[in-house]
Amino acid sequence: KALDDYTVQYTLNSPEPYWNSKTTNGILYPVNEEFLTSKGDK
């Protein structure tokens, strides 16, 4: 969830003490939705 412009929150199914280390992986990186949509398949 985007709680506001500068707060993002993740809710997990069960505790993962190593969760923060997952945030260094590409799948959890951000993308600008407007740019993504404008580019489409490109």
Full PDB file with SEQRES, HELIX, SHEET, SSBOND, CRYST1, ORIGX, SCALE, CONECT and MASTER records, all heavy atoms in Angstrom:
SEQRES   1 A   42  LYS ALA LEU ASP ASP TYR THR VAL GLN TYR THR LEU ASN          
SEQRES   2 A   42  SER PRO GLU PRO TYR TRP ASN SER LYS THR THR ASN GLY          
SEQRES   3 A   42  ILE LEU TYR PRO VAL ASN GLU GLU PHE LEU THR SER LYS          
SEQRES   4 A   42  GLY ASP LYS                                                  
HELIX    1 AA1 TRP A   19  LYS A   22  1                                   4    
HELIX    2 AA2 GLY A   26  LEU A   28  5                                   3    
HELIX    3 AA3 GLU A   33  LYS A   39  1                                   7    
SHEET    1 AA1 2 ALA A   2  ASP A   4  0                                        
SHEET    2 AA1 2 THR A   7  VAL A   8 -1                                        
CRYST1    1.000    1.000    1.000  90.00  90.00  90.00 P 1           1          
ORIGX1      1.000000  0.000000  0.000000        0.00000                         
ORIGX2      0.000000  1.000000  0.000000        0.00000                         
ORIGX3      0.000000  0.000000  1.000000        0.00000                         
SCALE1      1.000000  0.000000  0.000000        0.00000                         
SCALE2      0.000000  1.000000  0.000000        0.00000                         
SCALE3      0.000000  0.000000  1.000000        0.00000                         
ATOM      1  N   LYS A   1       0.828  -1.198   0.000  1.00  0.00           N  
ATOM      2  CA  LYS A   1       0.000   0.000   0.000  1.00  0.00           C  
ATOM      3  C   LYS A   1       0.868   1.256   0.000  1.00  0.00           C  
ATOM      4  O   LYS A   1       1.909   1.303   0.665  1.00  0.00           O  
ATOM      5  CB  LYS A   1      -0.900   0.052   1.243  1.00  0.00           C  
ATOM      6  CG  LYS A   1      -1.701  -1.213   1.522  1.00  0.00           C  
ATOM      7  CD  LYS A   1      -2.745  -1.478   0.458  1.00  0.00           C  
ATOM      8  CE  LYS A   1      -3.526  -2.762   0.774  1.00  0.00           C  
ATOM      9  NZ  LYS A   1      -4.402  -3.155  -0.350  1.00  0.00           N  
ATOM     10  N   ALA A   2       0.409   2.262  -0.729  1.00  0.00           N  
ATOM     11  CA  ALA A   2       0.990   3.593  -0.634  1.00  0.00           C  
ATOM     12  C   ALA A   2       0.146   4.364   0.370  1.00  0.00           C  
ATOM     13  O   ALA A   2      -0.959   4.823   0.051  1.00  0.00           O  
ATOM     14  CB  ALA A   2       0.989   4.279  -1.991  1.00  0.00           C  
ATOM     15  N   LEU A   3       0.615   4.469   1.613  1.00  0.00           N  
ATOM     16  CA  LEU A   3      -0.173   5.133   2.654  1.00  0.00           C  
ATOM     17  C   LEU A   3      -0.245   6.635   2.417  1.00  0.00           C  
ATOM     18  O   LEU A   3      -1.234   7.281   2.766  1.00  0.00           O  
ATOM     19  CB  LEU A   3       0.435   4.844   4.027  1.00  0.00           C  
ATOM     20  CG  LEU A   3       0.547   3.357   4.415  1.00  0.00           C  
ATOM     21  CD1 LEU A   3       1.053   3.230   5.851  1.00  0.00           C  
ATOM     22  CD2 LEU A   3      -0.782   2.645   4.248  1.00  0.00           C  
ATOM     23  N   ASP A   4       0.799   7.179   1.835  1.00  0.00           N  
ATOM     24  CA  ASP A   4       0.824   8.554   1.348  1.00  0.00           C  
ATOM     25  C   ASP A   4       1.967   8.629   0.346  1.00  0.00           C  
ATOM     26  O   ASP A   4       2.560   7.606  -0.009  1.00  0.00           O  
ATOM     27  CB  ASP A   4       0.979   9.577   2.488  1.00  0.00           C  
ATOM     28  CG  ASP A   4       2.213   9.336   3.356  1.00  0.00           C  
ATOM     29  OD1 ASP A   4       3.301   9.073   2.779  1.00  0.00           O  
ATOM     30  OD2 ASP A   4       2.115   9.391   4.588  1.00  0.00           O  
ATOM     31  N   ASP A   5       2.305   9.810  -0.133  1.00  0.00           N  
ATOM     32  CA  ASP A   5       3.332   9.925  -1.174  1.00  0.00           C  
ATOM     33  C   ASP A   5       4.684   9.369  -0.743  1.00  0.00           C  
ATOM     34  O   ASP A   5       5.468   8.916  -1.587  1.00  0.00           O  
ATOM     35  CB  ASP A   5       3.510  11.397  -1.573  1.00  0.00           C  
ATOM     36  CG  ASP A   5       2.399  11.873  -2.489  1.00  0.00           C  
ATOM     37  OD1 ASP A   5       1.604  11.022  -2.955  1.00  0.00           O  
ATOM     38  OD2 ASP A   5       2.314  13.089  -2.721  1.00  0.00           O  
ATOM     39  N   TYR A   6       4.950   9.372   0.556  1.00  0.00           N  
ATOM     40  CA  TYR A   6       6.283   8.999   1.028  1.00  0.00           C  
ATOM     41  C   TYR A   6       6.272   7.832   2.010  1.00  0.00           C  
ATOM     42  O   TYR A   6       7.252   7.619   2.737  1.00  0.00           O  
ATOM     43  CB  TYR A   6       6.964  10.215   1.682  1.00  0.00           C  
ATOM     44  CG  TYR A   6       7.064  11.391   0.744  1.00  0.00           C  
ATOM     45  CD1 TYR A   6       6.240  12.493   0.916  1.00  0.00           C  
ATOM     46  CD2 TYR A   6       7.953  11.373  -0.332  1.00  0.00           C  
ATOM     47  CE1 TYR A   6       6.306  13.580   0.037  1.00  0.00           C  
ATOM     48  CE2 TYR A   6       8.029  12.448  -1.208  1.00  0.00           C  
ATOM     49  CZ  TYR A   6       7.201  13.538  -1.020  1.00  0.00           C  
ATOM     50  OH  TYR A   6       7.265  14.603  -1.889  1.00  0.00           O  
ATOM     51  N   THR A   7       5.188   7.058   2.004  1.00  0.00           N  
ATOM     52  CA  THR A   7       5.111   5.898   2.904  1.00  0.00           C  
ATOM     53  C   THR A   7       4.562   4.694   2.150  1.00  0.00           C  
ATOM     54  O   THR A   7       3.439   4.728   1.635  1.00  0.00           O  
ATOM     55  CB  THR A   7       4.200   6.177   4.115  1.00  0.00           C  
ATOM     56  OG1 THR A   7       4.563   7.417   4.728  1.00  0.00           O  
ATOM     57  CG2 THR A   7       4.320   5.042   5.131  1.00  0.00           C  
ATOM     58  N   VAL A   8       5.376   3.643   2.073  1.00  0.00           N  
ATOM     59  CA  VAL A   8       4.927   2.403   1.443  1.00  0.00           C  
ATOM     60  C   VAL A   8       4.969   1.298   2.491  1.00  0.00           C  
ATOM     61  O   VAL A   8       5.892   1.235   3.312  1.00  0.00           O  
ATOM     62  CB  VAL A   8       5.793   2.033   0.219  1.00  0.00           C  
ATOM     63  CG1 VAL A   8       7.246   1.799   0.596  1.00  0.00           C  
ATOM     64  CG2 VAL A   8       5.233   0.816  -0.488  1.00  0.00           C  
ATOM     65  N   GLN A   9       3.942   0.451   2.461  1.00  0.00           N  
ATOM     66  CA  GLN A   9       3.810  -0.566   3.491  1.00  0.00           C  
ATOM     67  C   GLN A   9       3.554  -1.940   2.870  1.00  0.00           C  
ATOM     68  O   GLN A   9       2.754  -2.076   1.943  1.00  0.00           O  
ATOM     69  CB  GLN A   9       2.655  -0.214   4.429  1.00  0.00           C  
ATOM     70  CG  GLN A   9       2.498  -1.139   5.618  1.00  0.00           C  
ATOM     71  CD  GLN A   9       1.371  -0.672   6.520  1.00  0.00           C  
ATOM     72  OE1 GLN A   9       0.211  -0.986   6.290  1.00  0.00           O  
ATOM     73  NE2 GLN A   9       1.717   0.107   7.541  1.00  0.00           N  
ATOM     74  N   TYR A  10       4.266  -2.949   3.399  1.00  0.00           N  
ATOM     75  CA  TYR A  10       4.082  -4.334   2.962  1.00  0.00           C  
ATOM     76  C   TYR A  10       3.539  -5.146   4.136  1.00  0.00           C  
ATOM     77  O   TYR A  10       4.041  -5.030   5.267  1.00  0.00           O  
ATOM     78  CB  TYR A  10       5.406  -4.946   2.505  1.00  0.00           C  
ATOM     79  CG  TYR A  10       5.988  -4.302   1.275  1.00  0.00           C  
ATOM     80  CD1 TYR A  10       6.821  -3.192   1.381  1.00  0.00           C  
ATOM     81  CD2 TYR A  10       5.710  -4.799   0.003  1.00  0.00           C  
ATOM     82  CE1 TYR A  10       7.361  -2.590   0.249  1.00  0.00           C  
ATOM     83  CE2 TYR A  10       6.248  -4.211  -1.138  1.00  0.00           C  
ATOM     84  CZ  TYR A  10       7.066  -3.110  -0.998  1.00  0.00           C  
ATOM     85  OH  TYR A  10       7.604  -2.516  -2.121  1.00  0.00           O  
ATOM     86  N   THR A  11       2.539  -5.980   3.857  1.00  0.00           N  
ATOM     87  CA  THR A  11       1.997  -6.894   4.850  1.00  0.00           C  
ATOM     88  C   THR A  11       2.306  -8.322   4.417  1.00  0.00           C  
ATOM     89  O   THR A  11       1.995  -8.714   3.286  1.00  0.00           O  
ATOM     90  CB  THR A  11       0.474  -6.710   5.005  1.00  0.00           C  
ATOM     91  OG1 THR A  11       0.197  -5.353   5.357  1.00  0.00           O  
ATOM     92  CG2 THR A  11      -0.066  -7.631   6.093  1.00  0.00           C  
ATOM     93  N   LEU A  12       2.925  -9.090   5.308  1.00  0.00           N  
ATOM     94  CA  LEU A  12       3.372 -10.438   4.996  1.00  0.00           C  
ATOM     95  C   LEU A  12       2.403 -11.481   5.541  1.00  0.00           C  
ATOM     96  O   LEU A  12       1.614 -11.218   6.450  1.00  0.00           O  
ATOM     97  CB  LEU A  12       4.766 -10.677   5.581  1.00  0.00           C  
ATOM     98  CG  LEU A  12       5.850  -9.642   5.260  1.00  0.00           C  
ATOM     99  CD1 LEU A  12       7.183 -10.099   5.839  1.00  0.00           C  
ATOM    100  CD2 LEU A  12       5.963  -9.397   3.763  1.00  0.00           C  
ATOM    101  N   ASN A  13       2.508 -12.675   4.981  1.00  0.00           N  
ATOM    102  CA  ASN A  13       1.693 -13.791   5.466  1.00  0.00           C  
ATOM    103  C   ASN A  13       2.212 -14.350   6.776  1.00  0.00           C  
ATOM    104  O   ASN A  13       1.442 -14.803   7.622  1.00  0.00           O  
ATOM    105  CB  ASN A  13       1.669 -14.916   4.426  1.00  0.00           C  
ATOM    106  CG  ASN A  13       0.827 -14.562   3.217  1.00  0.00           C  
ATOM    107  OD1 ASN A  13      -0.279 -14.061   3.341  1.00  0.00           O  
ATOM    108  ND2 ASN A  13       1.377 -14.822   2.037  1.00  0.00           N  
ATOM    109  N   SER A  14       3.508 -14.330   6.950  1.00  0.00           N  
ATOM    110  CA  SER A  14       4.133 -14.820   8.171  1.00  0.00           C  
ATOM    111  C   SER A  14       5.443 -14.069   8.367  1.00  0.00           C  
ATOM    112  O   SER A  14       5.981 -13.481   7.416  1.00  0.00           O  
ATOM    113  CB  SER A  14       4.389 -16.334   8.090  1.00  0.00           C  
ATOM    114  OG  SER A  14       5.220 -16.639   6.988  1.00  0.00           O  
ATOM    115  N   PRO A  15       5.975 -14.059   9.576  1.00  0.00           N  
ATOM    116  CA  PRO A  15       7.208 -13.302   9.822  1.00  0.00           C  
ATOM    117  C   PRO A  15       8.371 -13.817   8.978  1.00  0.00           C  
ATOM    118  O   PRO A  15       8.552 -15.023   8.816  1.00  0.00           O  
ATOM    119  CB  PRO A  15       7.473 -13.540  11.314  1.00  0.00           C  
ATOM    120  CG  PRO A  15       6.152 -13.908  11.888  1.00  0.00           C  
ATOM    121  CD  PRO A  15       5.443 -14.671  10.813  1.00  0.00           C  
ATOM    122  N   GLU A  16       9.159 -12.893   8.444  1.00  0.00           N  
ATOM    123  CA  GLU A  16      10.374 -13.225   7.701  1.00  0.00           C  
ATOM    124  C   GLU A  16      11.481 -12.302   8.197  1.00  0.00           C  
ATOM    125  O   GLU A  16      11.589 -11.164   7.741  1.00  0.00           O  
ATOM    126  CB  GLU A  16      10.178 -13.053   6.189  1.00  0.00           C  
ATOM    127  CG  GLU A  16       9.216 -14.045   5.567  1.00  0.00           C  
ATOM    128  CD  GLU A  16       9.168 -13.939   4.043  1.00  0.00           C  
ATOM    129  OE1 GLU A  16       9.961 -13.158   3.475  1.00  0.00           O  
ATOM    130  OE2 GLU A  16       8.339 -14.627   3.437  1.00  0.00           O  
ATOM    131  N   PRO A  17      12.306 -12.762   9.106  1.00  0.00           N  
ATOM    132  CA  PRO A  17      13.362 -11.903   9.644  1.00  0.00           C  
ATOM    133  C   PRO A  17      14.306 -11.368   8.577  1.00  0.00           C  
ATOM    134  O   PRO A  17      14.987 -10.372   8.802  1.00  0.00           O  
ATOM    135  CB  PRO A  17      14.094 -12.839  10.620  1.00  0.00           C  
ATOM    136  CG  PRO A  17      13.111 -13.897  10.966  1.00  0.00           C  
ATOM    137  CD  PRO A  17      12.288 -14.091   9.743  1.00  0.00           C  
ATOM    138  N   TYR A  18      14.352 -12.042   7.439  1.00  0.00           N  
ATOM    139  CA  TYR A  18      15.239 -11.652   6.350  1.00  0.00           C  
ATOM    140  C   TYR A  18      14.518 -10.813   5.293  1.00  0.00           C  
ATOM    141  O   TYR A  18      15.053 -10.577   4.209  1.00  0.00           O  
ATOM    142  CB  TYR A  18      15.826 -12.908   5.691  1.00  0.00           C  
ATOM    143  CG  TYR A  18      14.788 -13.987   5.445  1.00  0.00           C  
ATOM    144  CD1 TYR A  18      13.964 -13.952   4.339  1.00  0.00           C  
ATOM    145  CD2 TYR A  18      14.609 -15.017   6.367  1.00  0.00           C  
ATOM    146  CE1 TYR A  18      12.986 -14.914   4.134  1.00  0.00           C  
ATOM    147  CE2 TYR A  18      13.637 -15.985   6.170  1.00  0.00           C  
ATOM    148  CZ  TYR A  18      12.830 -15.931   5.048  1.00  0.00           C  
ATOM    149  OH  TYR A  18      11.856 -16.879   4.860  1.00  0.00           O  
ATOM    150  N   TRP A  19      13.308 -10.360   5.572  1.00  0.00           N  
ATOM    151  CA  TRP A  19      12.515  -9.640   4.565  1.00  0.00           C  
ATOM    152  C   TRP A  19      13.266  -8.440   3.992  1.00  0.00           C  
ATOM    153  O   TRP A  19      13.270  -8.206   2.781  1.00  0.00           O  
ATOM    154  CB  TRP A  19      11.178  -9.182   5.144  1.00  0.00           C  
ATOM    155  CG  TRP A  19      10.474  -8.205   4.239  1.00  0.00           C  
ATOM    156  CD1 TRP A  19      10.416  -6.848   4.357  1.00  0.00           C  
ATOM    157  CD2 TRP A  19       9.795  -8.516   3.005  1.00  0.00           C  
ATOM    158  NE1 TRP A  19       9.735  -6.290   3.307  1.00  0.00           N  
ATOM    159  CE2 TRP A  19       9.340  -7.299   2.456  1.00  0.00           C  
ATOM    160  CE3 TRP A  19       9.530  -9.698   2.325  1.00  0.00           C  
ATOM    161  CZ2 TRP A  19       8.630  -7.228   1.256  1.00  0.00           C  
ATOM    162  CZ3 TRP A  19       8.818  -9.630   1.127  1.00  0.00           C  
ATOM    163  CH2 TRP A  19       8.384  -8.421   0.610  1.00  0.00           C  
ATOM    164  N   ASN A  20      13.901  -7.651   4.859  1.00  0.00           N  
ATOM    165  CA  ASN A  20      14.570  -6.445   4.362  1.00  0.00           C  
ATOM    166  C   ASN A  20      15.611  -6.758   3.304  1.00  0.00           C  
ATOM    167  O   ASN A  20      15.824  -5.974   2.369  1.00  0.00           O  
ATOM    168  CB  ASN A  20      15.216  -5.679   5.515  1.00  0.00           C  
ATOM    169  CG  ASN A  20      14.271  -4.662   6.139  1.00  0.00           C  
ATOM    170  OD1 ASN A  20      13.314  -4.224   5.503  1.00  0.00           O  
ATOM    171  ND2 ASN A  20      14.536  -4.295   7.381  1.00  0.00           N  
ATOM    172  N   SER A  21      16.283  -7.912   3.423  1.00  0.00           N  
ATOM    173  CA  SER A  21      17.298  -8.252   2.423  1.00  0.00           C  
ATOM    174  C   SER A  21      16.649  -8.521   1.061  1.00  0.00           C  
ATOM    175  O   SER A  21      17.305  -8.396   0.029  1.00  0.00           O  
ATOM    176  CB  SER A  21      18.133  -9.448   2.877  1.00  0.00           C  
ATOM    177  OG  SER A  21      17.358 -10.614   3.021  1.00  0.00           O  
ATOM    178  N   LYS A  22      15.360  -8.867   1.053  1.00  0.00           N  
ATOM    179  CA  LYS A  22      14.674  -9.065  -0.219  1.00  0.00           C  
ATOM    180  C   LYS A  22      14.467  -7.757  -0.972  1.00  0.00           C  
ATOM    181  O   LYS A  22      14.347  -7.754  -2.201  1.00  0.00           O  
ATOM    182  CB  LYS A  22      13.316  -9.743   0.006  1.00  0.00           C  
ATOM    183  CG  LYS A  22      13.393 -11.203   0.410  1.00  0.00           C  
ATOM    184  CD  LYS A  22      12.010 -11.843   0.443  1.00  0.00           C  
ATOM    185  CE  LYS A  22      12.080 -13.324   0.755  1.00  0.00           C  
ATOM    186  NZ  LYS A  22      10.744 -13.965   0.721  1.00  0.00           N  
ATOM    187  N   THR A  23      14.438  -6.647  -0.242  1.00  0.00           N  
ATOM    188  CA  THR A  23      14.162  -5.369  -0.901  1.00  0.00           C  
ATOM    189  C   THR A  23      15.299  -4.911  -1.797  1.00  0.00           C  
ATOM    190  O   THR A  23      15.138  -3.946  -2.554  1.00  0.00           O  
ATOM    191  CB  THR A  23      13.865  -4.265   0.136  1.00  0.00           C  
ATOM    192  OG1 THR A  23      15.046  -3.960   0.877  1.00  0.00           O  
ATOM    193  CG2 THR A  23      12.743  -4.686   1.072  1.00  0.00           C  
ATOM    194  N   THR A  24      16.452  -5.571  -1.719  1.00  0.00           N  
ATOM    195  CA  THR A  24      17.561  -5.211  -2.607  1.00  0.00           C  
ATOM    196  C   THR A  24      17.459  -5.931  -3.950  1.00  0.00           C  
ATOM    197  O   THR A  24      18.329  -5.786  -4.796  1.00  0.00           O  
ATOM    198  CB  THR A  24      18.923  -5.540  -1.968  1.00  0.00           C  
ATOM    199  OG1 THR A  24      19.068  -6.955  -1.851  1.00  0.00           O  
ATOM    200  CG2 THR A  24      19.049  -4.906  -0.591  1.00  0.00           C  
ATOM    201  N   ASN A  25      16.389  -6.700  -4.158  1.00  0.00           N  
ATOM    202  CA  ASN A  25      16.184  -7.431  -5.402  1.00  0.00           C  
ATOM    203  C   ASN A  25      15.289  -6.664  -6.363  1.00  0.00           C  
ATOM    204  O   ASN A  25      14.333  -5.986  -5.955  1.00  0.00           O  
ATOM    205  CB  ASN A  25      15.573  -8.799  -5.108  1.00  0.00           C  
ATOM    206  CG  ASN A  25      16.553  -9.710  -4.410  1.00  0.00           C  
ATOM    207  OD1 ASN A  25      17.401 -10.333  -5.027  1.00  0.00           O  
ATOM    208  ND2 ASN A  25      16.460  -9.788  -3.079  1.00  0.00           N  
ATOM    209  N   GLY A  26      15.560  -6.838  -7.649  1.00  0.00           N  
ATOM    210  CA  GLY A  26      14.893  -6.052  -8.680  1.00  0.00           C  
ATOM    211  C   GLY A  26      13.386  -6.095  -8.651  1.00  0.00           C  
ATOM    212  O   GLY A  26      12.725  -5.095  -8.956  1.00  0.00           O  
ATOM    213  N   ILE A  27      12.789  -7.227  -8.296  1.00  0.00           N  
ATOM    214  CA  ILE A  27      11.334  -7.352  -8.337  1.00  0.00           C  
ATOM    215  C   ILE A  27      10.649  -6.414  -7.350  1.00  0.00           C  
ATOM    216  O   ILE A  27       9.472  -6.101  -7.504  1.00  0.00           O  
ATOM    217  CB  ILE A  27      10.902  -8.812  -8.082  1.00  0.00           C  
ATOM    218  CG1 ILE A  27       9.423  -9.000  -8.445  1.00  0.00           C  
ATOM    219  CG2 ILE A  27      11.223  -9.247  -6.664  1.00  0.00           C  
ATOM    220  CD1 ILE A  27       8.963 -10.433  -8.418  1.00  0.00           C  
ATOM    221  N   LEU A  28      11.366  -5.932  -6.347  1.00  0.00           N  
ATOM    222  CA  LEU A  28      10.780  -5.001  -5.381  1.00  0.00           C  
ATOM    223  C   LEU A  28      11.223  -3.557  -5.615  1.00  0.00           C  
ATOM    224  O   LEU A  28      10.972  -2.689  -4.781  1.00  0.00           O  
ATOM    225  CB  LEU A  28      11.138  -5.432  -3.951  1.00  0.00           C  
ATOM    226  CG  LEU A  28      10.424  -6.704  -3.474  1.00  0.00           C  
ATOM    227  CD1 LEU A  28      10.939  -7.134  -2.112  1.00  0.00           C  
ATOM    228  CD2 LEU A  28       8.911  -6.497  -3.422  1.00  0.00           C  
ATOM    229  N   TYR A  29      11.825  -3.295  -6.760  1.00  0.00           N  
ATOM    230  CA  TYR A  29      12.187  -1.921  -7.118  1.00  0.00           C  
ATOM    231  C   TYR A  29      10.941  -1.184  -7.625  1.00  0.00           C  
ATOM    232  O   TYR A  29       9.957  -1.804  -8.051  1.00  0.00           O  
ATOM    233  CB  TYR A  29      13.249  -1.901  -8.213  1.00  0.00           C  
ATOM    234  CG  TYR A  29      14.626  -2.370  -7.803  1.00  0.00           C  
ATOM    235  CD1 TYR A  29      15.654  -2.428  -8.735  1.00  0.00           C  
ATOM    236  CD2 TYR A  29      14.912  -2.763  -6.499  1.00  0.00           C  
ATOM    237  CE1 TYR A  29      16.925  -2.866  -8.387  1.00  0.00           C  
ATOM    238  CE2 TYR A  29      16.180  -3.197  -6.139  1.00  0.00           C  
ATOM    239  CZ  TYR A  29      17.178  -3.248  -7.092  1.00  0.00           C  
ATOM    240  OH  TYR A  29      18.427  -3.680  -6.743  1.00  0.00           O  
ATOM    241  N   PRO A  30      10.989   0.136  -7.628  1.00  0.00           N  
ATOM    242  CA  PRO A  30       9.844   0.921  -8.108  1.00  0.00           C  
ATOM    243  C   PRO A  30       9.863   1.102  -9.621  1.00  0.00           C  
ATOM    244  O   PRO A  30      10.879   0.861 -10.280  1.00  0.00           O  
ATOM    245  CB  PRO A  30      10.057   2.263  -7.412  1.00  0.00           C  
ATOM    246  CG  PRO A  30      11.554   2.399  -7.331  1.00  0.00           C  
ATOM    247  CD  PRO A  30      12.057   0.993  -7.068  1.00  0.00           C  
ATOM    248  N   VAL A  31       8.723   1.520 -10.166  1.00  0.00           N  
ATOM    249  CA  VAL A  31       8.636   1.936 -11.556  1.00  0.00           C  
ATOM    250  C   VAL A  31       7.621   3.074 -11.635  1.00  0.00           C  
ATOM    251  O   VAL A  31       6.623   3.079 -10.893  1.00  0.00           O  
ATOM    252  CB  VAL A  31       8.219   0.769 -12.484  1.00  0.00           C  
ATOM    253  CG1 VAL A  31       6.765   0.346 -12.251  1.00  0.00           C  
ATOM    254  CG2 VAL A  31       8.432   1.122 -13.952  1.00  0.00           C  
ATOM    255  N   ASN A  32       7.883   4.046 -12.478  1.00  0.00           N  
ATOM    256  CA  ASN A  32       6.938   5.141 -12.665  1.00  0.00           C  
ATOM    257  C   ASN A  32       5.821   4.666 -13.592  1.00  0.00           C  
ATOM    258  O   ASN A  32       6.066   4.317 -14.745  1.00  0.00           O  
ATOM    259  CB  ASN A  32       7.645   6.360 -13.259  1.00  0.00           C  
ATOM    260  CG  ASN A  32       6.702   7.532 -13.444  1.00  0.00           C  
ATOM    261  OD1 ASN A  32       5.986   7.613 -14.435  1.00  0.00           O  
ATOM    262  ND2 ASN A  32       6.689   8.427 -12.480  1.00  0.00           N  
ATOM    263  N   GLU A  33       4.592   4.614 -13.071  1.00  0.00           N  
ATOM    264  CA  GLU A  33       3.484   4.015 -13.812  1.00  0.00           C  
ATOM    265  C   GLU A  33       3.163   4.777 -15.092  1.00  0.00           C  
ATOM    266  O   GLU A  33       2.856   4.179 -16.124  1.00  0.00           O  
ATOM    267  CB  GLU A  33       2.244   3.942 -12.927  1.00  0.00           C  
ATOM    268  CG  GLU A  33       1.092   3.173 -13.558  1.00  0.00           C  
ATOM    269  CD  GLU A  33      -0.050   2.957 -12.596  1.00  0.00           C  
ATOM    270  OE1 GLU A  33      -0.154   3.715 -11.605  1.00  0.00           O  
ATOM    271  OE2 GLU A  33      -0.844   2.024 -12.826  1.00  0.00           O  
ATOM    272  N   GLU A  34       3.246   6.098 -15.036  1.00  0.00           N  
ATOM    273  CA  GLU A  34       2.949   6.896 -16.231  1.00  0.00           C  
ATOM    274  C   GLU A  34       3.931   6.568 -17.351  1.00  0.00           C  
ATOM    275  O   GLU A  34       3.540   6.384 -18.507  1.00  0.00           O  
ATOM    276  CB  GLU A  34       3.020   8.389 -15.886  1.00  0.00           C  
ATOM    277  CG  GLU A  34       2.769   9.305 -17.087  1.00  0.00           C  
ATOM    278  CD  GLU A  34       2.975  10.769 -16.731  1.00  0.00           C  
ATOM    279  OE1 GLU A  34       2.059  11.349 -16.122  1.00  0.00           O  
ATOM    280  OE2 GLU A  34       4.067  11.309 -17.056  1.00  0.00           O  
ATOM    281  N   PHE A  35       5.220   6.476 -17.005  1.00  0.00           N  
ATOM    282  CA  PHE A  35       6.229   6.153 -18.003  1.00  0.00           C  
ATOM    283  C   PHE A  35       6.035   4.735 -18.526  1.00  0.00           C  
ATOM    284  O   PHE A  35       6.122   4.482 -19.733  1.00  0.00           O  
ATOM    285  CB  PHE A  35       7.624   6.297 -17.393  1.00  0.00           C  
ATOM    286  CG  PHE A  35       8.758   6.049 -18.349  1.00  0.00           C  
ATOM    287  CD1 PHE A  35       9.187   7.054 -19.203  1.00  0.00           C  
ATOM    288  CD2 PHE A  35       9.390   4.819 -18.407  1.00  0.00           C  
ATOM    289  CE1 PHE A  35      10.234   6.836 -20.095  1.00  0.00           C  
ATOM    290  CE2 PHE A  35      10.432   4.583 -19.289  1.00  0.00           C  
ATOM    291  CZ  PHE A  35      10.853   5.605 -20.136  1.00  0.00           C  
ATOM    292  N   LEU A  36       5.772   3.802 -17.617  1.00  0.00           N  
ATOM    293  CA  LEU A  36       5.553   2.415 -18.001  1.00  0.00           C  
ATOM    294  C   LEU A  36       4.407   2.298 -18.999  1.00  0.00           C  
ATOM    295  O   LEU A  36       4.521   1.624 -20.028  1.00  0.00           O  
ATOM    296  CB  LEU A  36       5.242   1.585 -16.749  1.00  0.00           C  
ATOM    297  CG  LEU A  36       4.901   0.110 -16.949  1.00  0.00           C  
ATOM    298  CD1 LEU A  36       6.128  -0.664 -17.434  1.00  0.00           C  
ATOM    299  CD2 LEU A  36       4.389  -0.498 -15.634  1.00  0.00           C  
ATOM    300  N   THR A  37       3.319   2.985 -18.725  1.00  0.00           N  
ATOM    301  CA  THR A  37       2.150   2.936 -19.613  1.00  0.00           C  
ATOM    302  C   THR A  37       2.455   3.579 -20.956  1.00  0.00           C  
ATOM    303  O   THR A  37       2.069   3.064 -22.016  1.00  0.00           O  
ATOM    304  CB  THR A  37       0.953   3.645 -18.950  1.00  0.00           C  
ATOM    305  OG1 THR A  37       0.659   3.011 -17.698  1.00  0.00           O  
ATOM    306  CG2 THR A  37      -0.274   3.586 -19.848  1.00  0.00           C  
ATOM    307  N   SER A  38       3.171   4.694 -20.920  1.00  0.00           N  
ATOM    308  CA  SER A  38       3.468   5.409 -22.164  1.00  0.00           C  
ATOM    309  C   SER A  38       4.355   4.597 -23.096  1.00  0.00           C  
ATOM    310  O   SER A  38       4.249   4.679 -24.314  1.00  0.00           O  
ATOM    311  CB  SER A  38       4.133   6.754 -21.857  1.00  0.00           C  
ATOM    312  OG  SER A  38       5.457   6.575 -21.381  1.00  0.00           O  
ATOM    313  N   LYS A  39       5.221   3.772 -22.529  1.00  0.00           N  
ATOM    314  CA  LYS A  39       6.130   2.970 -23.342  1.00  0.00           C  
ATOM    315  C   LYS A  39       5.479   1.695 -23.861  1.00  0.00           C  
ATOM    316  O   LYS A  39       5.866   1.186 -24.921  1.00  0.00           O  
ATOM    317  CB  LYS A  39       7.379   2.614 -22.532  1.00  0.00           C  
ATOM    318  CG  LYS A  39       8.337   3.776 -22.322  1.00  0.00           C  
ATOM    319  CD  LYS A  39       8.938   4.237 -23.651  1.00  0.00           C  
ATOM    320  CE  LYS A  39       9.935   5.343 -23.467  1.00  0.00           C  
ATOM    321  NZ  LYS A  39      10.522   5.801 -24.766  1.00  0.00           N  
ATOM    322  N   GLY A  40       4.516   1.160 -23.137  1.00  0.00           N  
ATOM    323  CA  GLY A  40       3.861  -0.067 -23.582  1.00  0.00           C  
ATOM    324  C   GLY A  40       4.864  -1.191 -23.781  1.00  0.00           C  
ATOM    325  O   GLY A  40       5.709  -1.449 -22.932  1.00  0.00           O  
ATOM    326  N   ASP A  41       4.794  -1.857 -24.937  1.00  0.00           N  
ATOM    327  CA  ASP A  41       5.707  -2.969 -25.236  1.00  0.00           C  
ATOM    328  C   ASP A  41       7.140  -2.508 -25.463  1.00  0.00           C  
ATOM    329  O   ASP A  41       8.054  -3.336 -25.547  1.00  0.00           O  
ATOM    330  CB  ASP A  41       5.221  -3.733 -26.473  1.00  0.00           C  
ATOM    331  CG  ASP A  41       3.918  -4.470 -26.219  1.00  0.00           C  
ATOM    332  OD1 ASP A  41       3.604  -4.710 -25.041  1.00  0.00           O  
ATOM    333  OD2 ASP A  41       3.218  -4.790 -27.193  1.00  0.00           O  
ATOM    334  N   LYS A  42       7.345  -1.207 -25.587  1.00  0.00           N  
ATOM    335  CA  LYS A  42       8.691  -0.672 -25.813  1.00  0.00           C  
ATOM    336  C   LYS A  42       9.432  -0.405 -24.512  1.00  0.00           C  
ATOM    337  O   LYS A  42      10.577   0.049 -24.527  1.00  0.00           O  
ATOM    338  CB  LYS A  42       8.616   0.624 -26.626  1.00  0.00           C  
ATOM    339  CG  LYS A  42       7.964   0.460 -28.002  1.00  0.00           C  
ATOM    340  CD  LYS A  42       8.769  -0.457 -28.898  1.00  0.00           C  
ATOM    341  CE  LYS A  42       8.159  -0.538 -30.293  1.00  0.00           C  
ATOM    342  NZ  LYS A  42       8.890  -1.494 -31.166  1.00  0.00           N  
TER     343      LYS A  42                                                      
MASTER        0    0    0    3    2    0    0    6  342    1    0    4          
END                                                                             
